[in-house]
C-alpha atoms as a PDB file:
ATOM      1  CA  UNK A   1      36.405 107.716 100.853  1.00  0.00           C
ATOM      2  CA  UNK A   2      36.024 110.682  98.648  1.00  0.00           C
ATOM      3  CA  UNK A   3      36.451 111.198  95.005  1.00  0.00           C
ATOM      4  CA  UNK A   4      38.080 114.461  93.552  1.00  0.00           C
ATOM      5  CA  UNK A   5      35.253 116.267  91.369  1.00  0.00           C
ATOM      6  CA  UNK A   6      36.895 118.755  90.087  1.00  0.00           C
ATOM      7  CA  UNK A   7      40.836 120.812  89.947  1.00  0.00           C
ATOM      8  CA  UNK A   8      41.282 124.535  89.763  1.00  0.00           C
ATOM      9  CA  UNK A   9      44.369 126.820  89.095  1.00  0.00           C
ATOM     10  CA  UNK A  10      44.885 129.204  91.215  1.00  0.00           C
ATOM     11  CA  UNK A  11      44.279 132.342  89.226  1.00  0.00           C
ATOM     12  CA  UNK A  12      47.188 135.157  91.217  1.00  0.00           C
ATOM     13  CA  UNK A  13      49.215 131.934  92.149  1.00  0.00           C
ATOM     14  CA  UNK A  14      49.162 130.165  88.740  1.00  0.00           C
ATOM     15  CA  UNK A  15      51.465 126.936  91.118  1.00  0.00           C
ATOM     16  CA  UNK A  16      48.964 126.052  93.326  1.00  0.00           C
ATOM     17  CA  UNK A  17      45.900 123.764  92.600  1.00  0.00           C
ATOM     18  CA  UNK A  18      42.312 124.100  94.295  1.00  0.00           C
ATOM     19  CA  UNK A  19      40.929 120.210  95.192  1.00  0.00           C
ATOM     20  CA  UNK A  20      36.849 119.956  94.964  1.00  0.00           C
ATOM     21  CA  UNK A  21      35.861 117.106  96.320  1.00  0.00           C
ATOM     22  CA  UNK A  22      32.326 116.055  95.444  1.00  0.00           C
ATOM     23  CA  UNK A  23      31.828 119.418  94.316  1.00  0.00           C
ATOM     24  CA  UNK A  24      33.089 121.222  97.124  1.00  0.00           C
ATOM     25  CA  UNK A  25      36.480 123.056  97.943  1.00  0.00           C
ATOM     26  CA  UNK A  26      38.657 120.940 100.505  1.00  0.00           C
ATOM     27  CA  UNK A  27      41.943 122.002 100.166  1.00  0.00           C
ATOM     28  CA  UNK A  28      45.006 123.508  97.662  1.00  0.00           C
ATOM     29  CA  UNK A  29      48.330 121.984  97.095  1.00  0.00           C
ATOM     30  CA  UNK A  30      51.449 122.859  95.106  1.00  0.00           C
ATOM     31  CA  UNK A  31      52.038 121.617  91.670  1.00  0.00           C
ATOM     32  CA  UNK A  32      54.401 119.057  92.882  1.00  0.00           C
ATOM     33  CA  UNK A  33      53.055 117.413  95.424  1.00  0.00           C
ATOM     34  CA  UNK A  34      49.671 117.144  92.709  1.00  0.00           C
ATOM     35  CA  UNK A  35      52.176 115.140  91.067  1.00  0.00           C
ATOM     36  CA  UNK A  36      53.924 113.404  93.935  1.00  0.00           C
ATOM     37  CA  UNK A  37      50.184 112.179  94.970  1.00  0.00           C
ATOM     38  CA  UNK A  38      49.099 111.761  90.824  1.00  0.00           C
ATOM     39  CA  UNK A  39      45.576 114.253  92.274  1.00  0.00           C
ATOM     40  CA  UNK A  40      43.480 113.660  89.184  1.00  0.00           C
ATOM     41  CA  UNK A  41      39.557 114.501  88.796  1.00  0.00           C
ATOM     42  CA  UNK A  42      37.499 111.210  89.813  1.00  0.00           C
ATOM     43  CA  UNK A  43      40.575 109.782  92.375  1.00  0.00           C
ATOM     44  CA  UNK A  44      39.456 108.248  95.301  1.00  0.00           C
ATOM     45  CA  UNK A  45      41.081 109.776  98.067  1.00  0.00           C
ATOM     46  CA  UNK A  46      41.057 107.791 101.840  1.00  0.00           C
ATOM     47  CA  UNK A  47      40.496 110.595 104.751  1.00  0.00           C
ATOM     48  CA  UNK A  48      44.127 109.839 105.915  1.00  0.00           C
ATOM     49  CA  UNK A  49      45.993 110.313 102.296  1.00  0.00           C
ATOM     50  CA  UNK A  50      44.185 113.579 102.263  1.00  0.00           C
ATOM     51  CA  UNK A  51      45.743 114.518 106.130  1.00  0.00           C
ATOM     52  CA  UNK A  52      48.949 113.676 104.811  1.00  0.00           C
ATOM     53  CA  UNK A  53      48.409 115.670 102.040  1.00  0.00           C
ATOM     54  CA  UNK A  54      47.249 118.393 104.086  1.00  0.00           C
ATOM     55  CA  UNK A  55      50.083 118.298 105.921  1.00  0.00           C
ATOM     56  CA  UNK A  56      52.873 117.464 103.097  1.00  0.00           C
ATOM     57  CA  UNK A  57      51.420 121.087 101.805  1.00  0.00           C
ATOM     58  CA  UNK A  58      51.929 122.961 105.292  1.00  0.00           C
ATOM     59  CA  UNK A  59      55.141 121.950 105.536  1.00  0.00           C
ATOM     60  CA  UNK A  60      56.160 123.078 102.029  1.00  0.00           C
ATOM     61  CA  UNK A  61      54.620 126.420 102.832  1.00  0.00           C
ATOM     62  CA  UNK A  62      56.731 126.358 105.579  1.00  0.00           C
ATOM     63  CA  UNK A  63      59.730 125.802 104.298  1.00  0.00           C
ATOM     64  CA  UNK A  64      59.378 128.564 101.655  1.00  0.00           C
ATOM     65  CA  UNK A  65      58.870 130.749 104.146  1.00  0.00           C
ATOM     66  CA  UNK A  66      61.663 129.915 106.589  1.00  0.00           C
ATOM     67  CA  UNK A  67      64.161 130.068 103.136  1.00  0.00           C
ATOM     68  CA  UNK A  68      62.757 133.756 102.437  1.00  0.00           C
ATOM     69  CA  UNK A  69      63.074 134.397 106.071  1.00  0.00           C
ATOM     70  CA  UNK A  70      67.252 132.671 105.759  1.00  0.00           C
ATOM     71  CA  UNK A  71      67.494 134.133 102.489  1.00  0.00           C
ATOM     72  CA  UNK A  72      68.625 137.884 104.140  1.00  0.00           C
ATOM     73  CA  UNK A  73      71.528 136.321 106.466  1.00  0.00           C
ATOM     74  CA  UNK A  74      72.331 133.204 108.334  1.00  0.00           C
ATOM     75  CA  UNK A  75      69.698 132.343 110.796  1.00  0.00           C
ATOM     76  CA  UNK A  76      69.860 129.782 113.951  1.00  0.00           C
ATOM     77  CA  UNK A  77      67.187 127.200 113.772  1.00  0.00           C
ATOM     78  CA  UNK A  78      65.808 128.776 117.451  1.00  0.00           C
ATOM     79  CA  UNK A  79      65.572 131.493 115.711  1.00  0.00           C
ATOM     80  CA  UNK A  80      63.582 130.255 112.127  1.00  0.00           C
ATOM     81  CA  UNK A  81      61.548 128.200 114.598  1.00  0.00           C
ATOM     82  CA  UNK A  82      60.248 130.683 116.085  1.00  0.00           C
ATOM     83  CA  UNK A  83      59.668 132.518 113.166  1.00  0.00           C
ATOM     84  CA  UNK A  84      57.630 129.243 111.699  1.00  0.00           C
ATOM     85  CA  UNK A  85      55.734 129.129 115.346  1.00  0.00           C
ATOM     86  CA  UNK A  86      54.945 132.961 115.799  1.00  0.00           C
ATOM     87  CA  UNK A  87      53.244 132.257 111.944  1.00  0.00           C
ATOM     88  CA  UNK A  88      50.994 129.914 113.273  1.00  0.00           C
ATOM     89  CA  UNK A  89      52.363 126.864 111.853  1.00  0.00           C
ATOM     90  CA  UNK A  90      51.661 123.863 113.787  1.00  0.00           C
ATOM     91  CA  UNK A  91      54.950 121.825 116.297  1.00  0.00           C
ATOM     92  CA  UNK A  92      54.758 118.935 113.612  1.00  0.00           C
ATOM     93  CA  UNK A  93      54.573 121.242 110.932  1.00  0.00           C
ATOM     94  CA  UNK A  94      57.416 123.516 111.774  1.00  0.00           C
ATOM     95  CA  UNK A  95      60.110 120.200 112.809  1.00  0.00           C
ATOM     96  CA  UNK A  96      59.192 119.085 109.775  1.00  0.00           C
ATOM     97  CA  UNK A  97      60.047 122.070 108.116  1.00  0.00           C
ATOM     98  CA  UNK A  98      63.248 122.220 110.289  1.00  0.00           C
ATOM     99  CA  UNK A  99      64.476 118.608 109.344  1.00  0.00           C
ATOM    100  CA  UNK A 100      64.245 119.102 105.712  1.00  0.00           C
ATOM    101  CA  UNK A 101      66.645 122.611 105.777  1.00  0.00           C
ATOM    102  CA  UNK A 102      68.944 120.816 108.318  1.00  0.00           C
ATOM    103  CA  UNK A 103      69.169 118.499 105.148  1.00  0.00           C
ATOM    104  CA  UNK A 104      69.560 120.330 102.196  1.00  0.00           C
ATOM    105  CA  UNK A 105      71.966 122.606 104.100  1.00  0.00           C
ATOM    106  CA  UNK A 106      69.845 125.541 104.455  1.00  0.00           C
ATOM    107  CA  UNK A 107      70.139 125.431 108.156  1.00  0.00           C
ATOM    108  CA  UNK A 108      72.987 124.472 110.553  1.00  0.00           C
ATOM    109  CA  UNK A 109      73.867 125.672 113.955  1.00  0.00           C
ATOM    110  CA  UNK A 110      77.338 125.080 114.137  1.00  0.00           C
ATOM    111  CA  UNK A 111      78.420 127.010 110.552  1.00  0.00           C
ATOM    112  CA  UNK A 112      75.920 129.901 112.186  1.00  0.00           C
ATOM    113  CA  UNK A 113      77.758 130.072 115.272  1.00  0.00           C
ATOM    114  CA  UNK A 114      81.276 129.933 113.960  1.00  0.00           C
ATOM    115  CA  UNK A 115      79.894 132.280 111.132  1.00  0.00           C
ATOM    116  CA  UNK A 116      78.438 134.323 114.452  1.00  0.00           C
ATOM    117  CA  UNK A 117      81.228 134.667 115.790  1.00  0.00           C
ATOM    118  CA  UNK A 118      83.889 136.119 113.500  1.00  0.00           C
ATOM    119  CA  UNK A 119      81.097 138.281 112.746  1.00  0.00           C
ATOM    120  CA  UNK A 120      81.429 139.530 116.367  1.00  0.00           C
ATOM    121  CA  UNK A 121      85.237 138.937 116.145  1.00  0.00           C
ATOM    122  CA  UNK A 122      85.860 141.321 112.828  1.00  0.00           C
ATOM    123  CA  UNK A 123      83.153 144.006 113.295  1.00  0.00           C
ATOM    124  CA  UNK A 124      81.962 144.938 116.714  1.00  0.00           C
ATOM    125  CA  UNK A 125      85.685 143.768 118.333  1.00  0.00           C
ATOM    126  CA  UNK A 126      83.277 141.467 121.533  1.00  0.00           C
ATOM    127  CA  UNK A 127      84.986 139.112 123.595  1.00  0.00           C
ATOM    128  CA  UNK A 128      83.986 135.925 124.790  1.00  0.00           C
ATOM    129  CA  UNK A 129      81.935 136.347 127.073  1.00  0.00           C
ATOM    130  CA  UNK A 130      79.949 139.207 124.750  1.00  0.00           C
ATOM    131  CA  UNK A 131      79.684 136.737 121.875  1.00  0.00           C
ATOM    132  CA  UNK A 132      78.657 133.633 124.560  1.00  0.00           C
ATOM    133  CA  UNK A 133      75.789 135.908 125.087  1.00  0.00           C
ATOM    134  CA  UNK A 134      75.103 136.558 121.798  1.00  0.00           C
ATOM    135  CA  UNK A 135      75.105 132.371 121.012  1.00  0.00           C
ATOM    136  CA  UNK A 136      72.508 131.909 123.785  1.00  0.00           C
ATOM    137  CA  UNK A 137      70.002 134.669 122.309  1.00  0.00           C
ATOM    138  CA  UNK A 138      70.024 132.945 119.465  1.00  0.00           C
ATOM    139  CA  UNK A 139      69.883 129.575 121.149  1.00  0.00           C
ATOM    140  CA  UNK A 140      72.407 127.835 120.469  1.00  0.00           C
ATOM    141  CA  UNK A 141      73.031 124.940 122.746  1.00  0.00           C
ATOM    142  CA  UNK A 142      75.339 125.021 125.926  1.00  0.00           C
ATOM    143  CA  UNK A 143      78.290 122.884 124.511  1.00  0.00           C
ATOM    144  CA  UNK A 144      78.263 123.886 120.889  1.00  0.00           C
ATOM    145  CA  UNK A 145      78.926 127.893 122.419  1.00  0.00           C
ATOM    146  CA  UNK A 146      82.160 126.130 124.578  1.00  0.00           C
ATOM    147  CA  UNK A 147      82.937 124.020 121.409  1.00  0.00           C
ATOM    148  CA  UNK A 148      82.871 127.208 119.361  1.00  0.00           C
ATOM    149  CA  UNK A 149      83.960 129.743 121.720  1.00  0.00           C
ATOM    150  CA  UNK A 150      87.947 127.358 122.231  1.00  0.00           C
ATOM    151  CA  UNK A 151      88.816 128.420 118.579  1.00  0.00           C
ATOM    152  CA  UNK A 152      88.428 132.438 119.958  1.00  0.00           C
ATOM    153  CA  UNK A 153      92.487 131.744 120.935  1.00  0.00           C
ATOM    154  CA  UNK A 154      94.132 133.877 124.084  1.00  0.00           C
ATOM    155  CA  UNK A 155      96.329 135.304 120.811  1.00  0.00           C
ATOM    156  CA  UNK A 156      93.423 136.383 119.001  1.00  0.00           C
ATOM    157  CA  UNK A 157      91.137 138.103 121.805  1.00  0.00           C
ATOM    158  CA  UNK A 158      94.445 139.535 123.080  1.00  0.00           C
ATOM    159  CA  UNK A 159      95.113 141.051 118.877  1.00  0.00           C
ATOM    160  CA  UNK A 160      91.292 141.690 118.580  1.00  0.00           C
ATOM    161  CA  UNK A 161      91.382 143.504 122.074  1.00  0.00           C
ATOM    162  CA  UNK A 162      94.620 145.222 121.390  1.00  0.00           C
ATOM    163  CA  UNK A 163      93.362 147.064 117.859  1.00  0.00           C
ATOM    164  CA  UNK A 164      89.956 148.590 120.169  1.00  0.00           C
ATOM    165  CA  UNK A 165      92.159 149.580 122.907  1.00  0.00           C
ATOM    166  CA  UNK A 166      94.681 151.525 120.610  1.00  0.00           C
ATOM    167  CA  UNK A 167      91.603 153.136 119.224  1.00  0.00           C
ATOM    168  CA  UNK A 168      90.348 154.361 122.329  1.00  0.00           C
ATOM    169  CA  UNK A 169      93.735 155.488 123.791  1.00  0.00           C
ATOM    170  CA  UNK A 170      94.194 157.615 120.217  1.00  0.00           C
ATOM    171  CA  UNK A 171      90.695 158.954 120.654  1.00  0.00           C
ATOM    172  CA  UNK A 172      91.044 159.776 124.315  1.00  0.00           C
ATOM    173  CA  UNK A 173      94.494 162.193 123.088  1.00  0.00           C
ATOM    174  CA  UNK A 174      93.276 164.357 125.392  1.00  0.00           C
ATOM    175  CA  UNK A 175      92.578 162.614 128.632  1.00  0.00           C
ATOM    176  CA  UNK A 176      95.058 161.682 130.706  1.00  0.00           C
ATOM    177  CA  UNK A 177      95.963 158.442 130.749  1.00  0.00           C
ATOM    178  CA  UNK A 178      94.595 157.238 133.924  1.00  0.00           C
ATOM    179  CA  UNK A 179      91.576 158.516 132.623  1.00  0.00           C
ATOM    180  CA  UNK A 180      92.732 156.372 129.131  1.00  0.00           C
ATOM    181  CA  UNK A 181      93.364 153.637 131.140  1.00  0.00           C
ATOM    182  CA  UNK A 182      90.016 153.335 132.783  1.00  0.00           C
ATOM    183  CA  UNK A 183      88.031 153.737 129.704  1.00  0.00           C
ATOM    184  CA  UNK A 184      90.137 151.017 127.958  1.00  0.00           C
ATOM    185  CA  UNK A 185      89.182 148.565 130.585  1.00  0.00           C
ATOM    186  CA  UNK A 186      85.377 149.935 131.463  1.00  0.00           C
ATOM    187  CA  UNK A 187      85.691 149.479 127.169  1.00  0.00           C
ATOM    188  CA  UNK A 188      87.201 146.057 126.692  1.00  0.00           C
ATOM    189  CA  UNK A 189      84.826 144.681 130.095  1.00  0.00           C
ATOM    190  CA  UNK A 190      81.837 145.951 128.296  1.00  0.00           C
ATOM    191  CA  UNK A 191      82.774 144.235 125.298  1.00  0.00           C
ATOM    192  CA  UNK A 192      82.951 140.824 127.248  1.00  0.00           C
ATOM    193  CA  UNK A 193      87.116 140.443 127.863  1.00  0.00           C
ATOM    194  CA  UNK A 194      88.638 138.869 130.803  1.00  0.00           C
ATOM    195  CA  UNK A 195      90.370 140.955 133.434  1.00  0.00           C
ATOM    196  CA  UNK A 196      93.392 139.055 132.018  1.00  0.00           C
ATOM    197  CA  UNK A 197      93.559 139.735 128.808  1.00  0.00           C
ATOM    198  CA  UNK A 198      92.563 143.381 129.479  1.00  0.00           C
ATOM    199  CA  UNK A 199      95.438 143.505 132.066  1.00  0.00           C
ATOM    200  CA  UNK A 200      97.905 142.097 129.107  1.00  0.00           C
ATOM    201  CA  UNK A 201      96.483 145.153 126.687  1.00  0.00           C
ATOM    202  CA  UNK A 202      97.256 147.708 128.767  1.00  0.00           C
ATOM    203  CA  UNK A 203     100.235 147.152 129.786  1.00  0.00           C
ATOM    204  CA  UNK A 204     101.304 146.831 125.948  1.00  0.00           C
ATOM    205  CA  UNK A 205     100.202 150.398 125.159  1.00  0.00           C
ATOM    206  CA  UNK A 206     102.659 153.062 126.011  1.00  0.00           C
ATOM    207  CA  UNK A 207     101.661 156.420 127.653  1.00  0.00           C
ATOM    208  CA  UNK A 208     103.701 159.069 127.318  1.00  0.00           C
ATOM    209  CA  UNK A 209     102.744 162.399 128.307  1.00  0.00           C
ATOM    210  CA  UNK A 210     105.033 165.289 127.777  1.00  0.00           C
ATOM    211  CA  UNK A 211     104.340 168.480 130.100  1.00  0.00           C
ATOM    212  CA  UNK A 212     103.012 171.171 127.157  1.00  0.00           C
ATOM    213  CA  UNK A 213     100.334 168.116 127.076  1.00  0.00           C
ATOM    214  CA  UNK A 214      99.935 167.961 130.556  1.00  0.00           C
ATOM    215  CA  UNK A 215      99.465 172.068 130.606  1.00  0.00           C
ATOM    216  CA  UNK A 216      96.683 171.396 127.619  1.00  0.00           C
ATOM    217  CA  UNK A 217      95.011 168.981 129.325  1.00  0.00           C
ATOM    218  CA  UNK A 218      94.670 170.839 133.264  1.00  0.00           C
ATOM    219  CA  UNK A 219      93.831 173.594 131.840  1.00  0.00           C
ATOM    220  CA  UNK A 220      90.928 172.370 129.931  1.00  0.00           C
ATOM    221  CA  UNK A 221      89.517 169.820 132.542  1.00  0.00           C
ATOM    222  CA  UNK A 222      90.972 171.813 135.405  1.00  0.00           C
ATOM    223  CA  UNK A 223      88.723 175.271 134.561  1.00  0.00           C
ATOM    224  CA  UNK A 224      85.677 173.105 134.095  1.00  0.00           C
ATOM    225  CA  UNK A 225      86.487 172.052 137.671  1.00  0.00           C
ATOM    226  CA  UNK A 226      87.480 175.191 139.079  1.00  0.00           C
ATOM    227  CA  UNK A 227      84.294 176.720 137.964  1.00  0.00           C
ATOM    228  CA  UNK A 228      81.750 173.528 139.193  1.00  0.00           C
ATOM    229  CA  UNK A 229      83.270 173.888 142.445  1.00  0.00           C
ATOM    230  CA  UNK A 230      83.285 177.643 142.359  1.00  0.00           C
ATOM    231  CA  UNK A 231      79.990 177.979 143.088  1.00  0.00           C
ATOM    232  CA  UNK A 232      79.662 176.437 146.858  1.00  0.00           C
ATOM    233  CA  UNK A 233      83.093 177.185 147.919  1.00  0.00           C
ATOM    234  CA  UNK A 234      85.945 179.510 148.290  1.00  0.00           C
ATOM    235  CA  UNK A 235      89.255 179.862 149.604  1.00  0.00           C
ATOM    236  CA  UNK A 236      90.887 176.323 151.362  1.00  0.00           C
ATOM    237  CA  UNK A 237      88.093 174.624 150.667  1.00  0.00           C
ATOM    238  CA  UNK A 238      87.863 174.834 146.748  1.00  0.00           C
ATOM    239  CA  UNK A 239      91.809 174.529 146.428  1.00  0.00           C
ATOM    240  CA  UNK A 240      91.325 171.022 147.848  1.00  0.00           C
ATOM    241  CA  UNK A 241      87.820 169.594 146.850  1.00  0.00           C
ATOM    242  CA  UNK A 242      89.696 170.885 142.653  1.00  0.00           C
ATOM    243  CA  UNK A 243      93.045 169.427 144.049  1.00  0.00           C
ATOM    244  CA  UNK A 244      90.654 166.099 144.761  1.00  0.00           C
ATOM    245  CA  UNK A 245      89.196 166.215 141.594  1.00  0.00           C
ATOM    246  CA  UNK A 246      91.848 166.425 139.681  1.00  0.00           C
ATOM    247  CA  UNK A 247      94.683 163.766 141.319  1.00  0.00           C
ATOM    248  CA  UNK A 248      91.510 161.648 140.290  1.00  0.00           C
ATOM    249  CA  UNK A 249      91.662 162.074 136.959  1.00  0.00           C
ATOM    250  CA  UNK A 250      95.346 161.108 137.218  1.00  0.00           C
ATOM    251  CA  UNK A 251      97.317 164.540 136.933  1.00  0.00           C
ATOM    252  CA  UNK A 252     100.461 164.666 138.188  1.00  0.00           C
ATOM    253  CA  UNK A 253     100.520 167.001 141.796  1.00  0.00           C
ATOM    254  CA  UNK A 254     103.020 169.543 140.647  1.00  0.00           C
ATOM    255  CA  UNK A 255     100.570 169.672 137.555  1.00  0.00           C
ATOM    256  CA  UNK A 256      97.724 170.289 139.918  1.00  0.00           C
ATOM    257  CA  UNK A 257      99.384 172.972 142.223  1.00  0.00           C
ATOM    258  CA  UNK A 258     100.951 174.766 139.978  1.00  0.00           C
ATOM    259  CA  UNK A 259      97.196 175.136 137.745  1.00  0.00           C
ATOM    260  CA  UNK A 260      95.888 175.863 141.184  1.00  0.00           C
ATOM    261  CA  UNK A 261      98.185 178.649 141.724  1.00  0.00           C
ATOM    262  CA  UNK A 262      97.348 179.466 138.492  1.00  0.00           C
ATOM    263  CA  UNK A 263      93.313 180.308 138.999  1.00  0.00           C
ATOM    264  CA  UNK A 264      93.977 181.546 142.457  1.00  0.00           C
ATOM    265  CA  UNK A 265      96.551 184.168 140.807  1.00  0.00           C
ATOM    266  CA  UNK A 266      94.419 184.671 138.377  1.00  0.00           C
ATOM    267  CA  UNK A 267      91.468 185.802 140.778  1.00  0.00           C
ATOM    268  CA  UNK A 268      93.587 188.691 142.541  1.00  0.00           C
ATOM    269  CA  UNK A 269      94.587 190.099 139.524  1.00  0.00           C
ATOM    270  CA  UNK A 270      90.494 190.877 139.201  1.00  0.00           C
END
């Protein structure tokens, strides 16, 4: 049994009070706990009561820290728990604070997961595999990951991937259709789409290249290849290596032959 001999309001935080037992500082509490536990001068405190008050106060502080953390954006339970543990709150305090957050609607992994899915779809145009990795990183349970990802239908995936593919195709207009297709495939794979969705999207894009465009593309890319190969090779070897490099980039054989003939004529003219 201990007797409260003094209660003073803190100067830097008027909502918190210092509790003194036997004229010595014992602990501090929020004003709400002062009222809840009816703390006053000359009140007798059992040891278990004091421990309960201190624990309750720690939970309240952890709860307020979590609220501040959540004020910037939605967080998963895993993120909040890690934040509080890193702040050196005890495991029991953290779990109690998290339960309180759930109860009051400030924390909900299902809502968080659905929001993350929508954000990743709209802002990053990611596919289900990449989004699942994000959910896993945030500590979302596998069953909830799968449940949320079911809402990302094949039609939705195709629509989002199609938009990204068309954007890439427009940006890569100076590349051959084969190069553009490869760029689209690489990007969509990295974004977490399946091969089935990627194939469907690529099939839906028209790659029409007229002769003038072929000439411009091969002039740009071919000149670079010609200069690079010419450093080490001449004659037949150079011709074959340039031809192979341009073929791998998707240029038609007739365009390649015309380009090489033009380069050889330019050299003969020099």
